[in-house]
Amino acid sequence: MSDSFLSQEEVDALLEGVTGESQKTVKEEIEAGAIRDYDISSQERIVRGRMPTMEIVNERFARNFRVGLFNFIRRSPEISVGTVSVQRYNAFLRELVVPTNFNIVAIRPLRGSGLIVCEPSLVFGVIDTLYGGSGKFQTRIEGRDFSATEQRVINRLVDVICEEYKKAWHGIYPLELAYQRSEMQPQFANIATPSEIVVSTAFQLEIGDLSGAIHICMPYATLEPIRDVLYSSVQGDAIEVDRRWVRVLTREIQAAEVTLVAELARADATVEQLLAMKPGDFIELDREPRIRASIGGVPLFECQYGTHNAKYAIRIEECLRNADANWLGDKHVK
């Protein structure tokens, strides 16, 4: 019997002849597909899940902006809210119509800048409406900048957007947008690097036959300090308080009947003394100069005891502090 054995190359050659394919090629393909390079210095982040608070802010902004825009152009718009989009900044820019109106805004009190993007069709429709037109006048922006008059109208429109967006954040976080400057080309609207993650929402506006969109875009790195607020689902329930319902309830509760108890005097006794008491016994009372009136065990007034119109009565001398805080409720209804 021969002591020689097949080498690994000979075994591979035999297997190749049986299966019809090279094992070396399969191995190389597996290795090539299983591993990819990753740059740990990259700004890419994996953002998972919805942002309930941001969705609530967007809905509130749409309602507020509908009123604010009506006060500005005296025409009632229809506004539809897009989804909260989380993507790279260069992907966001590719979705926009170019040239368009880029407005760089400071995001206070956070560090960083955001974008308010107004599509040209919306800008010229608003300008035409302000000057008495129907909003159907079409103007081409290619090859030129906005005129001084057009830019003034844009600034006023952005002011309305910033004001209504600030109101939308009220009760959640004191966030506001402050206008800094305007640009026409995306390469000058450098609020983030192309690979950075941004959070954006599109608001589609329809004013009669006029339609256009505005986009609000903020870097995710800027919003990261309030990340817990954005992902909290409780915030929405806490801030959506119907103040009209509170006022109605406050008004209706005024008619509710309550029992006012005035404590004339008080005495201390032991259980033994109480068990020994019988009809005819006397209990000595320590009467204070003032007596306290309460409702439901909550002290409300310091009073004097006497008679009025031939009846026993108490006269209110002082309203206690907890009466204002717990019962009157004026400080809690704005």
Protein backbone atom coordinates (compact mmCIF):
# COMPACT_ATOMS: atom_id res chain seq x y z
CA MET A 1 0.00 0.00 0.00
CA SER A 2 1.31 3.42 -0.91
CA ASP A 3 2.12 5.83 1.93
CA SER A 4 1.42 8.93 -0.20
CA PHE A 5 -1.63 11.14 0.49
CA LEU A 6 -3.51 13.62 -1.69
CA SER A 7 -2.51 17.24 -1.21
CA GLN A 8 -5.10 19.99 -0.54
CA GLU A 9 -4.71 21.25 -4.12
CA GLU A 10 -5.48 17.78 -5.48
CA VAL A 11 -8.55 17.46 -3.23
CA ASP A 12 -9.83 20.86 -4.41
CA ALA A 13 -9.28 19.80 -8.03
CA LEU A 14 -11.32 16.62 -7.50
CA LEU A 15 -14.16 18.56 -5.82
CA GLU A 16 -14.16 21.08 -8.64
CA GLY A 17 -14.55 18.25 -11.13
CA VAL A 18 -17.56 16.84 -9.24
CA THR A 19 -19.48 20.07 -8.51
CA GLY A 20 -18.46 21.99 -11.57
CA GLU A 21 -17.49 25.14 -9.68
CA SER A 22 -14.41 26.41 -7.97
CA GLN A 23 -14.38 26.32 -4.17
CA LYS A 24 -11.83 29.11 -4.18
CA THR A 25 -14.19 31.40 -6.06
CA VAL A 26 -17.06 30.67 -3.65
CA LYS A 27 -14.82 31.39 -0.67
CA GLU A 28 -13.66 34.68 -2.14
CA GLU A 29 -17.25 35.75 -2.86
CA ILE A 30 -18.34 34.97 0.70
CA GLU A 31 -15.47 36.91 2.18
CA ALA A 32 -16.04 39.85 -0.13
CA GLY A 33 -19.74 40.05 0.70
CA ALA A 34 -19.54 39.47 4.43
CA ILE A 35 -17.23 42.36 5.33
CA ARG A 36 -17.40 46.03 4.44
CA ASP A 37 -15.35 49.03 5.46
CA TYR A 38 -16.74 51.34 8.15
CA ASP A 39 -15.41 54.79 8.91
CA ILE A 40 -15.72 55.39 12.65
CA SER A 41 -15.22 59.13 12.09
CA SER A 42 -18.37 59.27 9.95
CA GLN A 43 -21.26 61.48 11.12
CA GLU A 44 -23.81 58.84 10.13
CA ARG A 45 -26.23 57.91 12.90
CA ILE A 46 -28.89 55.26 13.07
CA VAL A 47 -32.11 56.96 14.16
CA ARG A 48 -34.86 54.52 15.00
CA GLY A 49 -38.57 54.93 15.64
CA ARG A 50 -41.03 57.76 15.41
CA MET A 51 -40.72 61.18 17.00
CA PRO A 52 -44.16 61.67 18.58
CA THR A 53 -43.40 65.11 19.94
CA MET A 54 -42.13 66.37 16.58
CA GLU A 55 -45.33 65.09 14.94
CA ILE A 56 -47.42 66.99 17.49
CA VAL A 57 -45.36 70.15 16.92
CA ASN A 58 -45.87 69.87 13.15
CA GLU A 59 -49.64 69.46 13.51
CA ARG A 60 -49.84 72.44 15.85
CA PHE A 61 -47.66 74.50 13.53
CA ALA A 62 -49.93 73.70 10.56
CA ARG A 63 -52.98 74.94 12.49
CA ASN A 64 -51.20 78.06 13.71
CA PHE A 65 -49.65 78.82 10.32
CA ARG A 66 -53.05 78.58 8.62
CA VAL A 67 -54.25 81.46 10.80
CA GLY A 68 -50.98 83.40 10.55
CA LEU A 69 -50.88 83.16 6.75
CA PHE A 70 -54.52 84.24 6.49
CA ASN A 71 -53.72 87.35 8.54
CA PHE A 72 -50.76 88.00 6.22
CA ILE A 73 -52.33 87.57 2.75
CA ARG A 74 -56.06 87.59 3.65
CA ARG A 75 -56.66 84.28 1.91
CA SER A 76 -57.38 81.00 3.64
CA PRO A 77 -54.85 78.25 2.83
CA GLU A 78 -55.17 74.49 3.06
CA ILE A 79 -52.09 72.95 4.67
CA SER A 80 -51.19 69.27 4.69
CA VAL A 81 -48.40 67.99 6.91
CA GLY A 82 -45.83 65.54 5.57
CA THR A 83 -44.10 62.87 7.58
CA VAL A 84 -41.06 63.53 9.74
CA SER A 85 -38.16 62.52 7.51
CA VAL A 86 -34.75 61.52 8.89
CA GLN A 87 -32.08 61.33 6.19
CA ARG A 88 -28.69 62.63 5.08
CA TYR A 89 -28.45 66.32 4.28
CA ASN A 90 -27.41 65.72 0.65
CA ALA A 91 -30.44 63.44 0.17
CA PHE A 92 -32.70 66.20 1.51
CA LEU A 93 -31.21 68.75 -0.90
CA ARG A 94 -31.71 66.42 -3.87
CA GLU A 95 -35.46 66.39 -3.21
CA LEU A 96 -35.80 70.17 -3.56
CA VAL A 97 -36.65 72.24 -6.60
CA VAL A 98 -33.60 74.29 -7.65
CA PRO A 99 -33.26 77.23 -7.65
CA THR A 100 -35.37 77.90 -4.61
CA ASN A 101 -35.44 80.12 -1.54
CA PHE A 102 -33.20 78.93 1.33
CA ASN A 103 -33.58 80.81 4.62
CA ILE A 104 -30.97 80.03 7.26
CA VAL A 105 -32.34 80.37 10.80
CA ALA A 106 -30.75 80.06 14.22
CA ILE A 107 -32.27 77.37 16.46
CA ARG A 108 -32.43 78.89 19.92
CA PRO A 109 -31.49 78.07 22.62
CA LEU A 110 -29.79 75.07 20.96
CA ARG A 111 -26.50 75.34 19.08
CA GLY A 112 -26.74 75.21 15.31
CA SER A 113 -28.74 76.48 12.36
CA GLY A 114 -31.73 75.18 10.44
CA LEU A 115 -33.40 75.81 7.11
CA ILE A 116 -36.77 77.15 6.06
CA VAL A 117 -37.12 76.38 2.35
CA CYS A 118 -39.88 78.11 0.38
CA GLU A 119 -40.57 76.86 -3.14
CA PRO A 120 -40.58 79.58 -5.85
CA SER A 121 -44.19 78.86 -6.85
CA LEU A 122 -45.32 79.59 -3.29
CA VAL A 123 -43.15 82.70 -2.98
CA PHE A 124 -44.42 84.29 -6.20
CA GLY A 125 -47.99 83.25 -5.45
CA VAL A 126 -47.84 85.04 -2.09
CA ILE A 127 -46.26 88.12 -3.69
CA ASP A 128 -48.91 88.21 -6.43
CA THR A 129 -51.69 87.84 -3.85
CA LEU A 130 -50.30 90.64 -1.67
CA TYR A 131 -50.29 93.01 -4.65
CA GLY A 132 -53.90 92.30 -5.55
CA GLY A 133 -53.47 89.37 -7.93
CA SER A 134 -55.12 85.98 -7.87
CA GLY A 135 -51.89 84.09 -7.16
CA LYS A 136 -51.84 82.51 -10.63
CA PHE A 137 -49.14 84.80 -12.05
CA GLN A 138 -46.16 82.67 -13.06
CA THR A 139 -42.63 84.08 -12.84
CA ARG A 140 -39.39 82.31 -13.68
CA ILE A 141 -36.54 82.67 -11.22
CA GLU A 142 -33.84 80.93 -13.23
CA GLY A 143 -30.81 83.12 -13.89
CA ARG A 144 -31.55 85.88 -11.38
CA ASP A 145 -31.82 86.62 -7.69
CA PHE A 146 -34.93 87.77 -5.90
CA SER A 147 -35.49 91.52 -6.17
CA ALA A 148 -35.40 93.75 -3.09
CA THR A 149 -39.21 93.91 -3.00
CA GLU A 150 -39.53 90.14 -3.36
CA GLN A 151 -36.95 89.59 -0.61
CA ARG A 152 -38.86 91.89 1.77
CA VAL A 153 -42.02 89.85 1.22
CA ILE A 154 -40.04 86.64 1.78
CA ASN A 155 -38.64 88.02 5.04
CA ARG A 156 -42.16 88.83 6.25
CA LEU A 157 -43.32 85.33 5.29
CA VAL A 158 -40.38 83.78 7.16
CA ASP A 159 -41.19 85.94 10.20
CA VAL A 160 -44.72 84.52 10.19
CA ILE A 161 -43.33 80.97 9.94
CA CYS A 162 -40.88 81.55 12.82
CA GLU A 163 -43.55 83.08 15.05
CA GLU A 164 -46.05 80.27 14.49
CA TYR A 165 -43.36 77.60 14.89
CA LYS A 166 -42.39 79.11 18.23
CA LYS A 167 -46.04 78.89 19.34
CA ALA A 168 -46.15 75.24 18.26
CA TRP A 169 -43.33 74.43 20.70
CA HIS A 170 -44.99 76.28 23.58
CA GLY A 171 -45.37 74.04 26.61
CA ILE A 172 -42.91 71.46 25.24
CA TYR A 173 -39.57 73.22 25.02
CA PRO A 174 -38.69 76.93 24.59
CA LEU A 175 -37.45 76.44 21.02
CA GLU A 176 -37.61 79.26 18.49
CA LEU A 177 -36.23 80.06 15.04
CA ALA A 178 -34.50 83.38 14.31
CA TYR A 179 -33.89 84.51 10.71
CA GLN A 180 -30.24 85.03 9.74
CA ARG A 181 -29.93 85.23 5.95
CA SER A 182 -31.29 83.96 2.62
CA GLU A 183 -29.59 82.03 -0.19
CA MET A 184 -30.56 80.86 -3.67
CA GLN A 185 -28.20 77.93 -4.14
CA PRO A 186 -27.95 74.88 -1.85
CA GLN A 187 -24.14 74.94 -1.72
CA PHE A 188 -24.35 78.19 0.27
CA ALA A 189 -26.97 76.85 2.70
CA ASN A 190 -24.39 74.86 4.64
CA ILE A 191 -26.19 74.09 7.88
CA ALA A 192 -24.64 70.60 7.88
CA THR A 193 -22.14 68.47 6.01
CA PRO A 194 -23.54 66.35 3.15
CA SER A 195 -23.30 63.15 5.20
CA GLU A 196 -24.87 64.54 8.38
CA ILE A 197 -28.33 63.39 9.41
CA VAL A 198 -31.12 65.98 9.34
CA VAL A 199 -34.76 65.98 10.45
CA SER A 200 -37.14 67.61 7.98
CA THR A 201 -40.85 68.02 7.34
CA ALA A 202 -42.64 69.29 4.23
CA PHE A 203 -45.82 71.35 4.51
CA GLN A 204 -47.86 71.44 1.30
CA LEU A 205 -49.92 74.61 0.87
CA GLU A 206 -52.89 75.17 -1.44
CA ILE A 207 -54.36 78.66 -1.76
CA GLY A 208 -57.04 78.48 -4.43
CA ASP A 209 -55.26 77.45 -7.62
CA LEU A 210 -51.88 78.21 -6.07
CA SER A 211 -49.84 75.37 -4.60
CA GLY A 212 -46.36 75.11 -3.16
CA ALA A 213 -44.46 73.77 -0.20
CA ILE A 214 -42.28 74.91 2.63
CA HIS A 215 -39.70 72.65 4.25
CA ILE A 216 -38.35 72.97 7.78
CA CYS A 217 -35.02 71.19 8.21
CA MET A 218 -32.82 70.89 11.30
CA PRO A 219 -29.63 68.89 11.91
CA TYR A 220 -30.17 65.89 14.15
CA ALA A 221 -26.97 66.79 16.03
CA THR A 222 -28.57 70.13 16.99
CA LEU A 223 -31.71 68.41 18.30
CA GLU A 224 -29.83 65.68 20.14
CA PRO A 225 -29.77 67.55 23.52
CA ILE A 226 -33.61 67.35 23.56
CA ARG A 227 -33.74 63.81 22.17
CA ASP A 228 -35.72 62.55 25.17
CA VAL A 229 -38.33 65.24 24.55
CA LEU A 230 -38.68 64.32 20.87
CA TYR A 231 -39.17 60.62 21.53
CA SER A 232 -41.45 61.03 24.54
CA SER A 233 -45.03 59.93 23.92
CA VAL A 234 -46.28 61.49 27.16
CA GLN A 235 -45.49 65.03 26.11
CA GLY A 236 -48.34 65.16 23.65
CA ASP A 237 -50.93 64.18 26.26
CA ALA A 238 -49.58 66.75 28.70
CA ILE A 239 -49.53 69.73 26.36
CA GLU A 240 -52.77 69.20 24.50
CA VAL A 241 -54.88 70.73 27.27
CA ASP A 242 -58.19 72.13 26.10
CA ARG A 243 -58.23 75.44 27.92
CA ARG A 244 -61.79 76.14 26.81
CA TRP A 245 -62.90 72.99 28.63
CA VAL A 246 -61.03 74.16 31.74
CA ARG A 247 -62.82 77.53 31.60
CA VAL A 248 -66.23 75.89 31.17
CA LEU A 249 -65.56 73.51 34.06
CA THR A 250 -64.38 76.41 36.23
CA ARG A 251 -67.54 78.37 35.43
CA GLU A 252 -69.92 75.44 36.03
CA ILE A 253 -68.30 74.44 39.30
CA GLN A 254 -69.21 77.84 40.76
CA ALA A 255 -72.80 76.56 41.16
CA ALA A 256 -71.77 73.48 43.17
CA GLU A 257 -73.05 73.43 46.78
CA VAL A 258 -70.50 73.02 49.56
CA THR A 259 -70.72 72.95 53.37
CA LEU A 260 -68.86 75.64 55.29
CA VAL A 261 -67.89 74.55 58.81
CA ALA A 262 -66.88 77.11 61.46
CA GLU A 263 -65.12 75.63 64.51
CA LEU A 264 -66.11 77.71 67.54
CA ALA A 265 -63.86 76.03 70.11
CA ARG A 266 -61.79 72.95 70.81
CA ALA A 267 -61.03 70.84 73.88
CA ASP A 268 -58.64 67.99 74.56
CA ALA A 269 -59.69 64.89 76.51
CA THR A 270 -58.45 61.38 77.14
CA VAL A 271 -60.31 58.22 76.20
CA GLU A 272 -60.84 57.51 79.90
CA GLN A 273 -62.50 60.90 80.40
CA LEU A 274 -64.74 60.35 77.39
CA LEU A 275 -65.87 56.94 78.65
CA ALA A 276 -66.68 58.44 82.06
CA MET A 277 -68.84 61.26 80.71
CA LYS A 278 -72.58 61.29 81.44
CA PRO A 279 -75.46 63.70 80.95
CA GLY A 280 -75.00 66.85 83.02
CA ASP A 281 -71.18 66.91 82.81
CA PHE A 282 -69.44 70.09 81.69
CA ILE A 283 -66.64 70.36 79.11
CA GLU A 284 -64.41 73.40 79.38
CA LEU A 285 -63.57 74.94 76.00
CA ASP A 286 -60.65 77.14 74.99
CA ARG A 287 -62.17 79.81 72.76
CA GLU A 288 -59.78 81.67 70.47
CA PRO A 289 -60.27 85.33 69.50
CA ARG A 290 -60.82 84.15 65.93
CA ILE A 291 -62.41 81.01 64.63
CA ARG A 292 -61.46 79.17 61.46
CA ALA A 293 -63.94 78.28 58.71
CA SER A 294 -63.17 75.39 56.39
CA ILE A 295 -64.68 73.36 53.53
CA GLY A 296 -63.95 69.67 53.25
CA GLY A 297 -61.32 69.98 55.96
CA VAL A 298 -59.42 72.68 54.06
CA PRO A 299 -59.12 75.92 56.11
CA LEU A 300 -60.23 78.92 54.07
CA PHE A 301 -61.03 81.88 56.33
CA GLU A 302 -60.21 83.42 59.71
CA CYS A 303 -63.45 84.81 61.16
CA GLN A 304 -64.98 86.70 64.09
CA TYR A 305 -68.03 85.19 65.82
CA GLY A 306 -71.10 87.24 66.71
CA THR A 307 -74.65 88.11 65.66
CA HIS A 308 -76.06 89.73 62.55
CA ASN A 309 -79.73 90.51 61.86
CA ALA A 310 -80.67 88.72 65.09
CA LYS A 311 -78.87 85.55 64.00
CA TYR A 312 -75.59 83.99 64.95
CA ALA A 313 -72.99 84.78 62.28
CA ILE A 314 -69.30 84.87 61.46
CA ARG A 315 -67.49 87.74 59.80
CA ILE A 316 -64.55 86.97 57.52
CA GLU A 317 -61.44 88.78 58.69
CA GLU A 318 -58.76 87.10 56.57
CA CYS A 319 -58.55 84.77 53.56
CA LEU A 320 -55.95 82.10 54.09
CA ARG A 321 -53.24 81.55 51.44
CA ASN A 322 -54.28 78.02 50.55
CA ALA A 323 -57.72 79.34 49.67
CA ASP A 324 -56.26 81.13 46.66
CA ALA A 325 -54.06 78.19 45.67
CA ASN A 326 -56.47 75.29 46.14
CA TRP A 327 -59.95 76.69 45.63
CA LEU A 328 -60.13 79.86 43.60
CA GLY A 329 -58.16 78.43 40.70
CA ASP A 330 -57.62 81.78 38.93
CA LYS A 331 -53.88 81.22 38.69
CA HIS A 332 -54.38 77.87 36.97
CA VAL A 333 -56.68 79.09 34.19
CA LYS A 334 -55.12 81.42 31.65
